[in-house]
Protein backbone atom coordinates (compact mmCIF):
# COMPACT_ATOMS: atom_id res chain seq x y z
CA MET A 1 -134.09 56.27 -22.53
CA ASN A 2 -132.78 56.79 -26.05
CA ILE A 3 -130.62 54.26 -27.86
CA GLU A 4 -127.54 56.67 -27.82
CA LEU A 5 -127.62 56.95 -24.03
CA ILE A 6 -127.87 53.13 -23.76
CA ILE A 7 -124.83 52.79 -25.97
CA GLN A 8 -122.78 55.16 -23.86
CA ILE A 9 -123.78 53.48 -20.63
CA VAL A 10 -122.73 50.08 -22.09
CA TYR A 11 -119.47 51.61 -23.18
CA LEU A 12 -118.97 53.09 -19.68
CA ILE A 13 -119.67 49.65 -18.11
CA SER A 14 -117.24 48.10 -20.59
CA ALA A 15 -114.48 50.68 -19.67
CA ILE A 16 -115.02 49.93 -15.96
CA LEU A 17 -114.64 46.21 -16.56
CA LEU A 18 -111.40 46.78 -18.51
CA VAL A 19 -110.02 48.83 -15.54
CA LEU A 20 -111.02 46.11 -13.13
CA GLY A 21 -109.67 43.42 -15.38
CA LEU A 22 -106.26 45.18 -15.64
CA LYS A 23 -106.27 45.71 -11.81
CA PHE A 24 -106.86 41.99 -11.11
CA LEU A 25 -104.06 41.06 -13.46
CA ASN A 26 -101.58 42.26 -10.79
CA SER A 27 -101.67 38.91 -8.99
CA PRO A 28 -101.84 35.26 -10.24
CA ASP A 29 -104.58 34.69 -7.62
CA THR A 30 -106.96 37.04 -9.38
CA ALA A 31 -105.57 36.96 -12.89
CA ARG A 32 -108.31 34.58 -14.20
CA LYS A 33 -110.94 36.80 -12.79
CA GLY A 34 -109.19 39.83 -14.40
CA ASN A 35 -109.19 38.06 -17.79
CA ALA A 36 -112.82 37.22 -17.51
CA LEU A 37 -113.91 40.72 -16.60
CA ALA A 38 -111.86 42.32 -19.35
CA ALA A 39 -113.10 39.82 -21.87
CA LEU A 40 -116.68 40.45 -20.81
CA GLY A 41 -116.13 44.23 -21.07
CA MET A 42 -114.77 43.96 -24.64
CA PHE A 43 -117.43 41.49 -25.68
CA SER A 44 -120.27 43.82 -24.54
CA ALA A 45 -118.60 46.77 -26.31
CA ILE A 46 -118.18 44.82 -29.54
CA VAL A 47 -121.82 43.57 -29.57
CA ILE A 48 -123.34 46.90 -28.76
CA THR A 49 -121.20 48.47 -31.55
CA LEU A 50 -122.24 45.83 -34.04
CA LEU A 51 -125.95 46.22 -33.23
CA ASP A 52 -125.88 49.97 -33.21
CA GLN A 53 -124.11 50.54 -36.42
CA GLN A 54 -125.86 47.58 -38.05
CA ILE A 55 -122.67 46.42 -39.64
CA LEU A 56 -123.82 42.93 -39.64
CA GLY A 57 -127.08 41.06 -39.31
CA TYR A 58 -127.97 39.22 -36.10
CA SER A 59 -127.41 35.81 -37.64
CA THR A 60 -123.94 36.78 -38.76
CA ILE A 61 -123.09 38.23 -35.43
CA ILE A 62 -124.26 35.16 -33.56
CA LEU A 63 -122.25 32.82 -36.01
CA GLY A 64 -119.21 35.00 -35.46
CA VAL A 65 -119.49 34.65 -31.70
CA ILE A 66 -119.97 30.88 -31.90
CA ILE A 67 -116.97 30.47 -34.23
CA GLY A 68 -114.71 32.81 -32.17
CA THR A 69 -115.70 31.04 -28.87
CA LEU A 70 -114.94 27.65 -30.37
CA ILE A 71 -111.53 28.78 -31.64
CA GLY A 72 -110.69 30.45 -28.35
CA SER A 73 -111.81 27.48 -26.24
CA ILE A 74 -109.77 24.99 -28.32
CA LEU A 75 -106.72 27.18 -28.09
CA ALA A 76 -107.06 27.62 -24.33
CA LEU A 77 -107.48 23.87 -23.81
CA LYS A 78 -104.80 22.68 -26.32
CA ILE A 79 -102.04 25.29 -26.12
CA LYS A 80 -98.88 24.04 -24.49
CA MET A 81 -97.05 26.35 -22.13
CA THR A 82 -94.00 26.38 -24.51
CA ALA A 83 -96.26 27.74 -27.21
CA MET A 84 -97.68 30.61 -25.13
CA PRO A 85 -95.15 33.12 -26.55
CA GLN A 86 -96.20 32.28 -30.06
CA LEU A 87 -99.89 32.61 -29.06
CA VAL A 88 -99.28 36.01 -27.56
CA ALA A 89 -97.33 37.07 -30.65
CA ILE A 90 -100.35 36.13 -32.90
CA PHE A 91 -102.80 37.83 -30.68
CA ASN A 92 -100.67 41.06 -30.84
CA GLY A 93 -100.59 40.72 -34.63
CA PHE A 94 -104.26 40.15 -34.86
CA GLY A 95 -104.95 43.15 -32.63
CA GLY A 96 -102.76 45.53 -34.65
CA GLY A 97 -104.12 44.11 -37.93
CA ALA A 98 -107.76 44.59 -36.76
CA SER A 99 -107.15 48.17 -35.80
CA ALA A 100 -105.51 48.94 -39.15
CA LEU A 101 -108.44 47.40 -41.02
CA ILE A 102 -110.86 49.42 -38.97
CA ALA A 103 -108.93 52.65 -39.78
CA SER A 104 -108.61 51.53 -43.48
CA VAL A 105 -112.30 51.09 -43.86
CA ALA A 106 -112.95 54.58 -42.30
CA ILE A 107 -110.33 56.13 -44.69
CA LEU A 108 -111.71 54.36 -47.85
CA ASP A 109 -115.28 55.18 -47.04
CA SER A 110 -114.26 58.92 -46.74
CA PHE A 111 -113.00 58.94 -50.43
CA GLY A 112 -116.59 58.62 -51.73
CA GLY A 113 -118.48 60.29 -48.81
CA ILE A 114 -117.83 62.82 -46.09
CA PRO A 115 -114.10 63.62 -45.87
CA LEU A 116 -112.27 62.98 -42.52
CA ASN A 117 -111.26 66.08 -40.57
CA LEU A 118 -107.60 66.72 -39.68
CA THR A 119 -107.76 64.79 -36.40
CA GLU A 120 -109.56 61.80 -37.88
CA SER A 121 -107.22 61.78 -40.86
CA PHE A 122 -104.08 61.85 -38.68
CA ALA A 123 -105.40 59.16 -36.33
CA GLY A 124 -106.48 56.91 -39.12
CA ILE A 125 -103.26 56.95 -40.99
CA LEU A 126 -101.37 56.41 -37.66
CA ALA A 127 -103.55 53.36 -36.94
CA VAL A 128 -102.87 52.06 -40.47
CA LEU A 129 -99.17 52.51 -40.19
CA ILE A 130 -98.72 51.10 -36.61
CA GLY A 131 -101.35 48.42 -37.15
CA PHE A 132 -99.76 46.86 -40.22
CA VAL A 133 -96.28 47.15 -38.65
CA THR A 134 -97.55 45.24 -35.68
CA LEU A 135 -99.28 42.60 -37.88
CA ILE A 136 -96.19 41.78 -39.97
CA GLY A 137 -93.74 42.20 -37.02
CA SER A 138 -95.80 39.86 -34.79
CA LEU A 139 -96.06 37.31 -37.64
CA VAL A 140 -92.27 37.20 -38.10
CA ALA A 141 -91.87 36.93 -34.33
CA PHE A 142 -94.26 34.01 -34.32
CA GLY A 143 -92.36 32.41 -37.14
CA LYS A 144 -89.06 32.64 -35.28
CA LEU A 145 -90.50 31.30 -32.08
CA GLN A 146 -92.20 28.45 -33.80
CA GLU A 147 -89.01 27.77 -35.72
CA LEU A 148 -90.85 28.09 -39.05
CA LEU A 149 -88.08 30.67 -39.83
CA THR A 150 -85.15 28.39 -39.07
CA PHE A 151 -82.48 31.13 -39.10
CA LYS A 152 -81.52 32.80 -35.80
CA SER A 153 -81.50 36.16 -37.52
CA ILE A 154 -81.03 37.72 -40.95
CA ILE A 155 -78.54 40.66 -40.97
CA LEU A 156 -78.36 42.64 -44.02
CA HIS A 157 -75.43 45.10 -44.15
CA ILE A 158 -77.74 47.79 -45.46
CA SER A 159 -80.78 46.76 -43.22
CA LYS A 160 -80.42 49.73 -40.77
CA TYR A 161 -80.17 52.17 -43.50
CA LEU A 162 -82.91 50.68 -45.50
CA THR A 163 -85.23 50.77 -42.57
CA ILE A 164 -84.52 54.36 -41.91
CA ILE A 165 -85.07 55.12 -45.66
CA VAL A 166 -88.37 53.33 -45.74
CA PHE A 167 -89.49 55.00 -42.44
CA VAL A 168 -88.63 58.40 -43.70
CA VAL A 169 -90.34 57.86 -47.12
CA LEU A 170 -93.42 56.52 -45.19
CA LEU A 171 -93.54 59.68 -43.06
CA VAL A 172 -93.46 61.78 -46.19
CA PHE A 173 -96.35 59.93 -47.78
CA CYS A 174 -98.35 60.15 -44.54
CA GLY A 175 -97.64 63.93 -44.50
CA VAL A 176 -98.96 64.28 -47.92
CA PHE A 177 -101.91 62.22 -47.19
CA ILE A 178 -102.86 64.22 -44.11
CA PHE A 179 -102.06 67.79 -44.99
CA TYR A 180 -102.30 68.19 -48.78
CA GLU A 181 -105.41 68.10 -50.98
CA VAL A 182 -104.86 66.00 -54.09
CA THR A 183 -107.15 64.37 -56.56
CA LEU A 184 -109.11 61.19 -55.49
CA PRO A 185 -107.10 58.74 -57.67
CA MET A 186 -103.85 60.22 -56.25
CA ILE A 187 -104.93 60.12 -52.58
CA SER A 188 -106.12 56.58 -53.07
CA LEU A 189 -102.80 55.62 -54.54
CA ILE A 190 -100.90 57.33 -51.67
CA PHE A 191 -103.02 55.42 -49.20
CA TRP A 192 -102.11 51.91 -50.72
CA VAL A 193 -98.47 52.99 -50.90
CA ILE A 194 -98.65 53.73 -47.16
CA VAL A 195 -100.16 50.28 -46.50
CA LEU A 196 -97.43 48.44 -48.52
CA LEU A 197 -94.57 50.47 -46.88
CA SER A 198 -96.02 49.85 -43.41
CA LEU A 199 -96.06 46.09 -44.04
CA PHE A 200 -92.54 46.29 -45.40
CA LEU A 201 -91.31 48.30 -42.34
CA GLY A 202 -92.79 45.67 -40.03
CA LEU A 203 -90.69 43.04 -41.84
CA LEU A 204 -87.56 45.14 -41.72
CA LEU A 205 -87.85 45.96 -38.04
CA VAL A 206 -88.26 42.41 -36.76
CA ILE A 207 -86.54 40.18 -39.28
CA PRO A 208 -82.92 40.95 -38.03
CA ILE A 209 -83.75 40.53 -34.32
CA GLY A 210 -82.38 37.46 -32.66
CA GLY A 211 -84.11 35.10 -30.35
CA ALA A 212 -82.60 36.52 -27.11
CA ASP A 213 -84.61 39.76 -27.70
CA MET A 214 -87.94 38.11 -28.40
CA PRO A 215 -89.40 38.94 -24.97
CA VAL A 216 -88.77 42.57 -25.66
CA VAL A 217 -90.22 42.32 -29.20
CA ILE A 218 -93.41 40.68 -27.88
CA SER A 219 -94.02 43.34 -25.22
CA LEU A 220 -93.25 46.07 -27.70
CA MET A 221 -95.59 44.73 -30.32
CA ASN A 222 -98.22 44.53 -27.57
CA SER A 223 -97.78 48.16 -26.94
CA TYR A 224 -97.98 48.87 -30.67
CA SER A 225 -101.27 47.02 -30.95
CA GLY A 226 -102.78 49.11 -28.17
CA ILE A 227 -101.57 52.48 -29.68
CA ALA A 228 -103.07 51.29 -33.11
CA ALA A 229 -106.39 50.55 -31.41
CA CYS A 230 -106.42 53.92 -29.63
CA ALA A 231 -105.59 55.74 -32.86
CA ALA A 232 -108.37 53.75 -34.66
CA GLY A 233 -110.76 54.89 -31.87
CA PHE A 234 -110.11 58.53 -32.59
CA ALA A 235 -110.41 57.91 -36.37
CA ILE A 236 -113.99 56.55 -36.00
CA ASN A 237 -114.84 58.49 -32.76
CA ASN A 238 -115.29 55.30 -30.68
CA ASN A 239 -114.59 55.87 -26.92
CA ILE A 240 -114.11 52.19 -25.95
CA LEU A 241 -111.39 51.70 -28.60
CA ILE A 242 -109.66 54.80 -27.30
CA ILE A 243 -109.90 53.73 -23.70
CA GLY A 244 -109.00 50.05 -24.27
CA GLY A 245 -106.24 50.90 -26.76
CA ALA A 246 -104.68 53.41 -24.21
CA PHE A 247 -104.69 50.73 -21.51
CA VAL A 248 -102.93 48.14 -23.70
CA GLY A 249 -100.56 50.62 -25.15
CA ALA A 250 -99.49 52.00 -21.76
CA ALA A 251 -99.17 48.58 -20.13
CA GLY A 252 -97.23 47.25 -23.12
CA PHE A 253 -94.86 50.22 -22.95
CA ILE A 254 -94.24 49.84 -19.26
CA LEU A 255 -93.52 46.17 -19.66
CA THR A 256 -91.10 46.92 -22.53
CA GLN A 257 -89.31 49.35 -20.25
CA ILE A 258 -89.06 46.69 -17.63
CA MET A 259 -87.68 44.18 -20.20
CA ILE A 260 -84.98 46.44 -21.65
CA LYS A 261 -83.90 47.43 -18.15
CA ALA A 262 -83.51 43.72 -17.32
CA MET A 263 -81.33 43.39 -20.35
CA ASN A 264 -79.43 46.64 -19.92
CA ARG A 265 -80.33 47.67 -23.44
CA SER A 266 -82.28 50.32 -25.34
CA ILE A 267 -85.11 50.13 -27.71
CA PHE A 268 -82.96 51.34 -30.49
CA ASN A 269 -80.35 48.65 -29.62
CA VAL A 270 -83.00 45.90 -29.65
CA MET A 271 -84.56 46.99 -33.00
CA PHE A 272 -81.19 47.49 -34.78
CA GLY A 273 -78.63 45.43 -32.82
CA ALA A 274 -79.65 41.93 -33.90
CA PHE A 275 -78.69 40.63 -30.50
CA GLY A 276 -78.60 36.82 -30.37
CA SER A 277 -77.61 36.55 -34.09
CA THR A 278 -75.44 33.85 -35.49
CA SER A 279 -72.53 36.21 -35.61
CA ASP A 280 -72.69 36.58 -31.76
CA ILE A 281 -71.66 32.96 -31.19
CA THR A 282 -68.11 33.59 -30.12
CA SER A 283 -67.06 30.84 -27.76
CA ASN A 284 -66.29 27.31 -28.67
CA SER A 285 -64.01 26.27 -25.88
CA SER A 286 -66.33 23.83 -24.10
CA ASN A 287 -64.39 20.85 -25.29
CA GLU A 288 -61.33 22.21 -23.53
CA ARG A 289 -62.84 22.88 -20.07
CA SER A 290 -64.00 20.43 -17.50
CA ILE A 291 -67.40 20.04 -15.95
CA ARG A 292 -68.57 18.11 -12.94
CA GLU A 293 -71.23 15.74 -13.96
CA ALA A 294 -73.54 14.49 -11.10
CA THR A 295 -75.97 11.57 -10.63
CA ALA A 296 -79.48 12.12 -9.32
CA GLU A 297 -78.35 10.45 -6.08
CA ASP A 298 -75.46 12.89 -5.69
CA ALA A 299 -77.74 15.86 -6.29
CA ALA A 300 -80.54 14.51 -3.94
CA ILE A 301 -78.09 14.19 -1.06
CA VAL A 302 -77.01 17.83 -1.35
CA LEU A 303 -80.71 19.01 -1.70
CA ARG A 304 -81.82 16.90 1.19
CA TYR A 305 -79.36 18.17 3.68
CA SER A 306 -79.52 21.86 2.58
CA ARG A 307 -81.13 24.46 4.74
CA SER A 308 -82.09 26.65 1.80
CA VAL A 309 -82.74 26.14 -1.86
CA ILE A 310 -83.39 28.76 -4.61
CA PHE A 311 -84.98 27.41 -7.81
CA VAL A 312 -84.06 29.22 -10.98
CA PRO A 313 -86.58 28.27 -13.75
CA GLY A 314 -86.00 28.89 -17.42
CA TYR A 315 -87.32 27.94 -20.95
CA GLY A 316 -86.09 24.36 -20.45
CA LEU A 317 -88.68 23.99 -17.62
CA ALA A 318 -91.40 24.90 -20.00
CA VAL A 319 -90.05 22.65 -22.74
CA SER A 320 -90.14 19.58 -20.55
CA GLN A 321 -93.48 20.53 -18.91
CA ALA A 322 -91.88 20.02 -15.48
CA GLN A 323 -93.65 22.83 -13.44
CA HIS A 324 -95.77 20.35 -11.54
CA ASN A 325 -92.74 18.19 -10.80
CA ILE A 326 -90.73 21.11 -9.46
CA ARG A 327 -93.61 22.01 -7.15
CA GLU A 328 -93.53 18.40 -5.98
CA LEU A 329 -89.78 18.53 -5.26
CA ALA A 330 -90.17 21.88 -3.46
CA THR A 331 -93.00 20.50 -1.24
CA LEU A 332 -90.93 17.46 -0.45
CA LEU A 333 -88.03 19.59 0.64
CA GLN A 334 -90.16 21.88 2.72
CA GLU A 335 -91.55 18.96 4.55
CA ARG A 336 -87.93 18.16 5.58
CA GLY A 337 -87.39 21.67 6.83
CA VAL A 338 -85.64 23.20 3.74
CA GLN A 339 -86.48 26.79 2.85
CA VAL A 340 -87.46 27.06 -0.77
CA LYS A 341 -87.62 30.13 -2.98
CA TYR A 342 -87.88 30.78 -6.72
CA ALA A 343 -85.80 33.36 -8.51
CA ILE A 344 -87.63 34.81 -11.55
CA HIS A 345 -85.68 36.83 -14.12
CA PRO A 346 -87.92 39.25 -16.14
CA VAL A 347 -86.67 37.82 -19.51
CA ALA A 348 -86.56 34.16 -18.52
CA GLY A 349 -88.42 32.18 -21.11
CA ARG A 350 -89.56 33.57 -24.39
CA MET A 351 -92.17 36.16 -23.31
CA PRO A 352 -92.63 38.51 -20.38
CA GLY A 353 -93.93 36.66 -17.35
CA HIS A 354 -93.47 33.22 -18.92
CA MET A 355 -92.11 31.70 -15.76
CA ASN A 356 -94.78 33.26 -13.53
CA VAL A 357 -97.48 31.78 -15.74
CA LEU A 358 -95.79 28.41 -15.80
CA LEU A 359 -95.36 28.16 -12.04
CA ALA A 360 -98.84 29.59 -11.38
CA GLU A 361 -100.29 26.73 -13.41
CA ALA A 362 -98.62 24.39 -10.93
CA ASN A 363 -100.03 26.33 -8.03
CA VAL A 364 -96.60 27.46 -6.74
CA PRO A 365 -97.34 29.93 -3.89
CA TYR A 366 -96.86 33.43 -5.35
CA GLU A 367 -95.17 34.62 -2.17
CA GLN A 368 -92.34 32.13 -2.96
CA LEU A 369 -91.57 33.94 -6.25
CA TYR A 370 -89.02 36.69 -6.09
CA ASP A 371 -87.84 39.04 -8.79
CA ILE A 372 -84.11 39.79 -9.53
CA ASP A 373 -83.85 42.76 -7.19
CA GLN A 374 -85.40 40.85 -4.21
CA ILE A 375 -83.47 37.61 -4.59
CA ASN A 376 -79.93 38.52 -5.83
CA SER A 377 -78.50 39.39 -2.36
CA GLU A 378 -79.69 36.05 -0.91
CA PHE A 379 -77.75 33.77 -3.20
CA GLU A 380 -74.51 34.02 -1.19
CA ASN A 381 -76.33 32.74 1.86
CA THR A 382 -78.06 29.94 -0.04
CA ASP A 383 -76.87 26.36 0.27
CA ILE A 384 -77.80 25.44 -3.24
CA ALA A 385 -79.21 27.09 -6.39
CA VAL A 386 -81.01 24.82 -8.83
CA VAL A 387 -81.03 26.04 -12.39
CA ILE A 388 -83.70 24.30 -14.51
CA GLY A 389 -83.28 25.16 -18.16
CA ALA A 390 -82.20 28.77 -17.66
CA ASN A 391 -79.13 29.97 -19.45
CA ASP A 392 -78.37 33.59 -20.45
CA VAL A 393 -80.10 34.97 -17.33
CA VAL A 394 -77.58 33.21 -15.05
CA ASN A 395 -74.50 33.61 -17.23
CA PRO A 396 -71.60 35.32 -15.39
CA ALA A 397 -70.27 36.56 -18.71
CA ALA A 398 -72.72 39.38 -18.28
CA LYS A 399 -70.59 40.57 -15.36
CA ASN A 400 -67.13 39.31 -16.21
CA THR A 401 -66.66 39.46 -19.97
CA PRO A 402 -66.67 43.01 -21.48
CA GLY A 403 -66.67 41.67 -25.12
CA SER A 404 -69.70 39.40 -24.48
CA PRO A 405 -73.01 40.27 -26.32
CA ILE A 406 -74.81 40.10 -22.87
CA TYR A 407 -72.21 42.17 -21.05
CA GLY A 408 -74.01 44.61 -18.74
CA MET A 409 -77.30 42.60 -18.57
CA PRO A 410 -78.45 42.22 -15.02
CA ILE A 411 -78.38 38.47 -14.19
CA LEU A 412 -79.38 36.25 -11.28
CA ASN A 413 -76.25 35.81 -9.10
CA VAL A 414 -76.41 32.02 -9.09
CA ASP A 415 -72.60 31.92 -9.05
CA ASN A 416 -72.69 33.37 -5.53
CA ALA A 417 -74.53 30.27 -4.06
CA LYS A 418 -72.58 27.80 -2.10
CA ASN A 419 -73.47 25.03 -4.42
CA ILE A 420 -75.04 25.09 -7.92
CA LEU A 421 -77.06 22.31 -9.60
CA VAL A 422 -77.85 22.70 -13.24
CA LEU A 423 -80.53 20.53 -14.97
CA LYS A 424 -80.02 20.65 -18.69
CA ARG A 425 -79.97 18.33 -21.71
CA GLY A 426 -76.52 19.38 -22.79
CA LEU A 427 -74.04 22.20 -23.03
CA ASN A 428 -75.74 24.10 -25.84
CA PRO A 429 -75.83 27.87 -25.51
CA GLY A 430 -78.88 29.83 -24.85
CA PHE A 431 -80.71 32.42 -27.12
CA ALA A 432 -77.68 34.74 -27.06
CA GLY A 433 -75.65 32.01 -28.68
CA ILE A 434 -72.73 32.11 -26.21
CA GLU A 435 -71.23 29.63 -23.85
CA ASN A 436 -72.32 29.73 -20.23
CA GLU A 437 -69.55 30.08 -17.68
CA ILE A 438 -71.68 28.75 -14.90
CA PHE A 439 -71.36 25.22 -16.34
CA PHE A 440 -67.56 25.18 -15.62
CA ASN A 441 -67.84 26.71 -12.16
CA SER A 442 -66.01 24.42 -9.65
CA LYS A 443 -69.25 24.66 -7.49
CA THR A 444 -71.47 23.47 -10.25
CA MET A 445 -72.95 20.01 -10.66
CA MET A 446 -74.41 19.15 -14.09
CA LEU A 447 -77.38 16.75 -14.13
CA PHE A 448 -77.96 16.07 -17.73
CA GLY A 449 -81.20 14.92 -19.25
CA ASP A 450 -84.83 15.98 -19.63
CA ALA A 451 -85.65 18.20 -16.79
CA LYS A 452 -88.96 16.42 -15.90
CA LYS A 453 -87.31 13.02 -15.75
CA SER A 454 -84.34 14.54 -13.72
CA ILE A 455 -86.70 16.14 -11.21
CA MET A 456 -88.76 12.84 -10.87
CA ASN A 457 -85.43 11.06 -10.24
CA LEU A 458 -84.45 13.62 -7.57
CA VAL A 459 -87.93 13.15 -5.85
CA LYS A 460 -87.47 9.42 -5.73
CA GLU A 461 -83.93 9.68 -4.40
CA ILE A 462 -84.85 12.14 -1.69
CA GLN A 463 -87.83 10.00 -0.62
CA ASP A 464 -85.48 7.06 -0.25
CA LEU A 465 -82.94 8.87 1.94
């Protein structure tokens, strides 16, 4: 059996593992297995490529594997659930950057060797453009999520026009690079201009976007990283990059569509609307409106003697690391005959699937998790809805206030429940920067404080009843 056949067999096995890994990601019960299979598939593809192309010596490959394994293991063990969106953003950026570097090397090598054909040239420059946009865009998203960039958003009056101008100029340079024969110094200069413009475009695209749109940005950058990898695969004629990139790109695009549908928005509106910016903070009337503050004992009595409860988790649940405590409270209520369900909004938290991951970590049964379409009709027959750290995704302003930045966004119909309990530190607005009408609803009880401590107090009070 010749070496080329062995390589293709390994690539085929890697592709199968990637397909199986993606399939197993459909459920939290098999997600870990899916991650492991996909990682094994990509690892085997990387190793066989390095060995075949003799890009690095054996000692360097082994050293890289050890270092990468250590970094990955430490991140997996130490990363907090609140920091998962930042980690995903960084991974997206690294994926896009790696694809851009692979394509860049192929292009630069062609300057002094065999020129790329039209397909390879087009794919290579596409990988460079999208890859570097993804790298910088993801780093900016990371900075915002990590609050290293302390502003909510930067809005330049000319930002939309500047972005369009940069994009058009970038396309012109790409067209010249692909279709016109110019001298070597000139083509080299054009390539580096494309790199710089791509980096600048990534900055322009993400810097104006507010925090409320970060879940969409993360899923979009995930799609970009896959497209860049697929294009890089065509540039260097590598099947596993094409297959893997296509999977990631398609999955990210589908997820992005789910996100923007959940927010009743368009991609163009997300990228240029600066939703969640400081200028969107329009309401300051909380001091003039009354709320009904409850004690843990008051809330515990309502929960204990309810027949049905719907928990609505949000980013505040992740901040307080209260996922295990909410599972304990739910179990306690179920033991007393209360029906328990969880309502999951697609954009709750700071990344797609944030709440699902959080609750899966606490071993909350997957069958108790319901998406917005499944659960919304049940709120009106529910004795009490418990909102833990969620904000914009339950704000009735999305239905009732045409001038609101979130107007038209599908929300969880918490306001239809017979009683509402909100666990929150204070009355601060969510990512969209607007006041939440649910706080002032006559059916709402506000239990202020850290969510974890509040839930622990509820458990104690219910146990004493």
